[in-house]
Amino acid sequence: MKIKRSLSLILLSLIAGLGVRDVDAQTPTVMTPCRIGQEAPAIGFWTWAANAHVKVYIISTDFKPEEVPYVLKALQNWNSASELTGSGVKFEYQGDTKQQLSCDNCLTVMRGPVFDRTKRHATELKAFSARRDQIISYAAIIIDPGLTNLKAILDAVAHELGHNLGLLDCFTCKKKSTLMNQFKVMNVPNDMATPTACDIAQVREVYSELKVRVRPSPPNRNVIDDGEEPVDDDTPIVIPKP
């Protein structure tokens, strides 16, 4: 496998040069309380180990050059919240690959058929655990070829990275309360590319729980993004002050 490491430096510079920096100008909004199923997603499935340095590779032949910086921006947005979430997880772009990788702590971003008119998914997370528990050994984010709007790609990858950190879909959550809202229409961005305060609080809960126990792997150990709809919960989630 030939890794084009020089490509990473070029693409990282494009994040600023192509104006991507202004795509997600919103900042996390404090919402008190955050109620599961109303403003916050439920938690409980796949996640990377605490303090993992996840090596991210992109099958660049699957993407147009102008699309890649939007994928990288989603990584950057979650990295910026790493300390706030208490996860310590960092997504580190490594460059190009020609195929999905199965190395330890490797995440491959690639294209593949995903779109389901019933569930309205255009992306999905496929994860594998060598220990057969919820801790990811390696994974792939798969983006349907039909998803081409640049801002929608950014929002969708940010959503899938939320799954990487233990967050479930929240179809019943209020609009713009969480990255884990359902996408309504293919190629129409939801303007949610940065984790909200409720997302951050829930990832903190994921990693606090991991210190106590590690769950078994989900029933389907390959796919998480399968249209989960959590039960509403009025229990307030405490959001730590900065």
Protein backbone atom coordinates (compact mmCIF):
# COMPACT_ATOMS: atom_id res chain seq x y z
CA MET A 1 0.00 0.00 0.00
CA LYS A 2 1.37 3.35 -1.02
CA ILE A 3 0.47 6.18 1.34
CA LYS A 4 0.72 9.67 -0.13
CA ARG A 5 1.66 11.50 3.04
CA SER A 6 2.48 14.70 1.22
CA LEU A 7 -1.18 14.89 0.25
CA SER A 8 -2.14 15.45 3.89
CA LEU A 9 -0.13 18.68 4.10
CA ILE A 10 -1.64 20.00 0.89
CA LEU A 11 -5.20 19.19 1.90
CA LEU A 12 -4.85 20.59 5.39
CA SER A 13 -3.77 23.90 3.87
CA LEU A 14 -6.82 23.79 1.61
CA ILE A 15 -9.14 23.87 4.62
CA ALA A 16 -8.34 27.55 5.03
CA GLY A 17 -7.57 28.31 1.39
CA LEU A 18 -10.91 27.09 0.02
CA GLY A 19 -12.96 28.94 2.60
CA VAL A 20 -14.11 25.87 4.52
CA ARG A 21 -13.35 27.59 7.79
CA ASP A 22 -16.59 29.57 7.57
CA VAL A 23 -18.85 26.64 6.74
CA ASP A 24 -19.69 25.83 10.36
CA ALA A 25 -19.46 29.18 12.07
CA GLN A 26 -21.85 28.12 14.83
CA THR A 27 -20.45 27.44 18.28
CA PRO A 28 -21.81 24.95 20.82
CA THR A 29 -24.93 26.41 22.38
CA VAL A 30 -25.63 25.72 26.04
CA MET A 31 -29.05 24.13 26.44
CA THR A 32 -30.25 23.39 29.96
CA PRO A 33 -31.47 20.84 30.55
CA CYS A 34 -30.50 18.43 27.77
CA ARG A 35 -33.11 15.66 27.71
CA ILE A 36 -32.41 12.40 25.94
CA GLY A 37 -34.59 12.11 22.88
CA GLN A 38 -35.46 15.81 22.97
CA GLU A 39 -32.20 17.78 22.91
CA ALA A 40 -29.61 15.04 23.38
CA PRO A 41 -28.88 11.68 21.75
CA ALA A 42 -28.79 8.45 23.69
CA ILE A 43 -25.46 6.67 24.12
CA GLY A 44 -24.31 3.10 24.18
CA PHE A 45 -22.69 1.58 21.12
CA TRP A 46 -19.34 1.74 19.37
CA THR A 47 -16.57 4.05 20.54
CA TRP A 48 -12.83 4.40 20.30
CA ALA A 49 -10.79 3.74 23.41
CA ALA A 50 -10.13 6.72 25.66
CA ASN A 51 -7.17 8.82 24.49
CA ALA A 52 -6.96 6.89 21.21
CA HIS A 53 -5.10 8.49 18.34
CA VAL A 54 -7.24 7.36 15.43
CA LYS A 55 -5.36 7.18 12.13
CA VAL A 56 -7.67 8.44 9.39
CA TYR A 57 -7.17 7.47 5.75
CA ILE A 58 -9.23 8.57 2.76
CA ILE A 59 -9.69 6.63 -0.45
CA SER A 60 -9.08 9.79 -2.43
CA THR A 61 -10.03 8.22 -5.76
CA ASP A 62 -13.58 8.04 -4.34
CA PHE A 63 -13.74 11.81 -3.89
CA LYS A 64 -13.30 14.95 -5.94
CA PRO A 65 -10.37 17.10 -4.77
CA GLU A 66 -12.71 19.83 -3.53
CA GLU A 67 -14.63 17.35 -1.33
CA VAL A 68 -11.70 16.13 0.76
CA PRO A 69 -11.15 19.34 2.78
CA TYR A 70 -14.76 19.12 3.98
CA VAL A 71 -14.11 15.64 5.32
CA LEU A 72 -11.01 16.93 7.09
CA LYS A 73 -12.93 19.85 8.56
CA ALA A 74 -15.30 17.42 10.29
CA LEU A 75 -12.30 15.73 11.90
CA GLN A 76 -10.97 19.09 13.03
CA ASN A 77 -14.31 20.07 14.58
CA TRP A 78 -14.41 16.99 16.80
CA ASN A 79 -10.71 17.29 17.65
CA SER A 80 -11.38 20.81 18.91
CA ALA A 81 -13.91 19.38 21.38
CA SER A 82 -11.72 16.48 22.52
CA GLU A 83 -10.76 17.99 25.87
CA LEU A 84 -14.31 19.17 26.59
CA THR A 85 -15.71 15.69 25.94
CA GLY A 86 -13.16 14.04 28.21
CA SER A 87 -12.56 11.38 25.56
CA GLY A 88 -9.00 12.36 24.66
CA VAL A 89 -9.71 10.88 21.22
CA LYS A 90 -7.95 12.58 18.32
CA PHE A 91 -8.60 11.92 14.63
CA GLU A 92 -5.27 12.24 12.82
CA TYR A 93 -5.31 12.40 9.03
CA GLN A 94 -2.62 10.16 7.55
CA GLY A 95 -3.21 10.47 3.82
CA ASP A 96 -4.45 8.37 0.96
CA THR A 97 -5.19 4.66 0.77
CA LYS A 98 -6.40 2.46 -2.06
CA GLN A 99 -8.56 0.19 0.09
CA GLN A 100 -10.29 -0.07 3.44
CA LEU A 101 -7.72 -0.69 6.18
CA SER A 102 -7.92 -3.04 9.15
CA CYS A 103 -4.92 -1.80 11.15
CA ASP A 104 -5.33 -1.02 14.85
CA ASN A 105 -7.03 2.35 15.45
CA CYS A 106 -7.50 2.94 11.72
CA LEU A 107 -10.51 4.74 10.27
CA THR A 108 -11.08 4.67 6.50
CA VAL A 109 -13.32 7.22 4.78
CA MET A 110 -14.67 5.89 1.51
CA ARG A 111 -17.59 5.83 -0.92
CA GLY A 112 -20.12 3.01 -1.22
CA PRO A 113 -23.86 2.38 -1.70
CA VAL A 114 -25.68 3.41 1.46
CA PHE A 115 -28.76 5.49 0.65
CA ASP A 116 -32.00 4.12 2.04
CA ARG A 117 -35.17 6.08 1.24
CA THR A 118 -36.90 4.69 4.32
CA LYS A 119 -34.20 5.64 6.83
CA ARG A 120 -32.85 8.53 4.73
CA HIS A 121 -29.27 7.58 5.42
CA ALA A 122 -26.56 8.64 3.00
CA THR A 123 -23.66 7.62 5.26
CA GLU A 124 -22.90 4.87 7.72
CA LEU A 125 -20.30 3.69 10.19
CA LYS A 126 -18.99 0.13 9.93
CA ALA A 127 -16.96 -0.91 12.94
CA PHE A 128 -15.07 -4.00 14.11
CA SER A 129 -13.91 -4.95 17.59
CA ALA A 130 -11.19 -7.55 18.01
CA ARG A 131 -12.24 -7.89 21.67
CA ARG A 132 -15.92 -8.31 20.80
CA ASP A 133 -16.88 -5.37 22.95
CA GLN A 134 -17.94 -1.78 22.20
CA ILE A 135 -14.35 -0.59 21.76
CA ILE A 136 -13.52 -0.10 18.08
CA SER A 137 -10.41 -1.77 16.70
CA TYR A 138 -10.88 -0.35 13.19
CA ALA A 139 -13.74 1.19 11.26
CA ALA A 140 -14.92 2.83 8.05
CA ILE A 141 -17.18 5.76 7.32
CA ILE A 142 -18.98 5.04 4.07
CA ILE A 143 -20.51 7.90 2.06
CA ASP A 144 -23.04 7.22 -0.65
CA PRO A 145 -21.86 8.35 -4.13
CA GLY A 146 -25.06 10.37 -4.42
CA LEU A 147 -24.05 12.68 -1.58
CA THR A 148 -22.16 15.44 -3.37
CA ASN A 149 -23.14 18.75 -1.76
CA LEU A 150 -20.00 19.96 0.02
CA LYS A 151 -21.70 21.30 3.13
CA ALA A 152 -23.87 18.18 3.37
CA ILE A 153 -20.72 16.02 3.23
CA LEU A 154 -19.25 18.03 6.10
CA ASP A 155 -22.41 17.69 8.18
CA ALA A 156 -22.73 13.98 7.42
CA VAL A 157 -19.14 13.13 8.35
CA ALA A 158 -19.46 15.13 11.58
CA HIS A 159 -22.60 13.09 12.32
CA GLU A 160 -20.79 9.80 11.69
CA LEU A 161 -17.90 10.86 13.92
CA GLY A 162 -20.50 11.31 16.65
CA HIS A 163 -21.30 7.62 16.22
CA ASN A 164 -17.55 6.95 16.55
CA LEU A 165 -17.77 8.47 20.04
CA GLY A 166 -20.77 6.50 21.27
CA LEU A 167 -23.67 8.73 20.22
CA LEU A 168 -26.83 7.30 18.66
CA ASP A 169 -29.14 8.91 16.13
CA CYS A 170 -31.82 11.13 17.64
CA PHE A 171 -34.69 11.48 15.20
CA THR A 172 -36.93 13.00 17.87
CA CYS A 173 -34.46 15.67 19.01
CA LYS A 174 -35.21 19.31 18.38
CA LYS A 175 -33.70 20.78 15.24
CA LYS A 176 -30.09 21.93 15.71
CA SER A 177 -29.94 20.63 19.28
CA THR A 178 -27.53 17.87 18.28
CA LEU A 179 -25.38 16.64 15.41
CA MET A 180 -27.27 13.37 15.64
CA ASN A 181 -30.52 14.71 14.14
CA GLN A 182 -31.84 12.83 11.15
CA PHE A 183 -31.02 14.22 7.70
CA LYS A 184 -34.28 15.04 5.93
CA VAL A 185 -33.25 15.30 2.28
CA MET A 186 -30.25 14.02 0.35
CA ASN A 187 -27.75 16.77 -0.48
CA VAL A 188 -29.48 19.36 1.70
CA PRO A 189 -27.13 20.30 4.58
CA ASN A 190 -28.57 20.61 8.06
CA ASP A 191 -25.97 23.26 8.99
CA MET A 192 -24.76 21.18 11.92
CA ALA A 193 -21.04 20.46 11.67
CA THR A 194 -19.86 21.25 15.19
CA PRO A 195 -20.81 19.22 18.29
CA THR A 196 -23.34 21.04 20.47
CA ALA A 197 -23.12 21.39 24.24
CA CYS A 198 -25.56 18.48 24.55
CA ASP A 199 -23.39 16.31 22.26
CA ILE A 200 -20.32 17.17 24.32
CA ALA A 201 -22.13 16.36 27.57
CA GLN A 202 -23.22 12.98 26.22
CA VAL A 203 -19.74 12.04 24.99
CA ARG A 204 -18.49 12.93 28.47
CA GLU A 205 -21.06 10.45 29.80
CA VAL A 206 -19.82 7.78 27.37
CA TYR A 207 -16.24 8.07 28.56
CA SER A 208 -17.20 8.36 32.23
CA GLU A 209 -19.07 5.08 31.85
CA LEU A 210 -16.12 3.44 30.10
CA LYS A 211 -14.08 3.96 33.28
CA VAL A 212 -16.62 1.79 35.11
CA ARG A 213 -17.55 -0.82 32.51
CA VAL A 214 -17.19 -1.70 28.85
CA ARG A 215 -20.33 -2.91 27.14
CA PRO A 216 -20.47 -5.99 24.89
CA SER A 217 -20.40 -5.31 21.18
CA PRO A 218 -23.74 -4.29 19.66
CA PRO A 219 -25.92 -7.13 18.26
CA ASN A 220 -24.77 -6.31 14.72
CA ARG A 221 -21.04 -5.84 15.14
CA ASN A 222 -20.51 -4.31 11.72
CA VAL A 223 -23.04 -1.49 11.47
CA ILE A 224 -24.16 1.07 14.01
CA ASP A 225 -26.02 3.64 11.93
CA ASP A 226 -29.22 1.67 11.57
CA GLY A 227 -31.90 4.19 12.42
CA GLU A 228 -31.89 3.97 16.20
CA GLU A 229 -34.63 5.96 17.89
CA PRO A 230 -34.01 6.38 21.63
CA VAL A 231 -36.83 6.55 24.13
CA ASP A 232 -37.48 10.07 25.41
CA ASP A 233 -35.98 10.72 28.83
CA ASP A 234 -36.71 13.85 30.86
CA THR A 235 -33.68 13.35 33.11
CA PRO A 236 -31.54 16.51 32.86
CA ILE A 237 -27.98 16.12 31.65
CA VAL A 238 -25.59 18.37 33.52
CA ILE A 239 -23.40 20.44 31.21
CA PRO A 240 -20.11 21.43 32.89
CA LYS A 241 -19.29 25.12 32.65
CA PRO A 242 -16.11 25.95 30.66
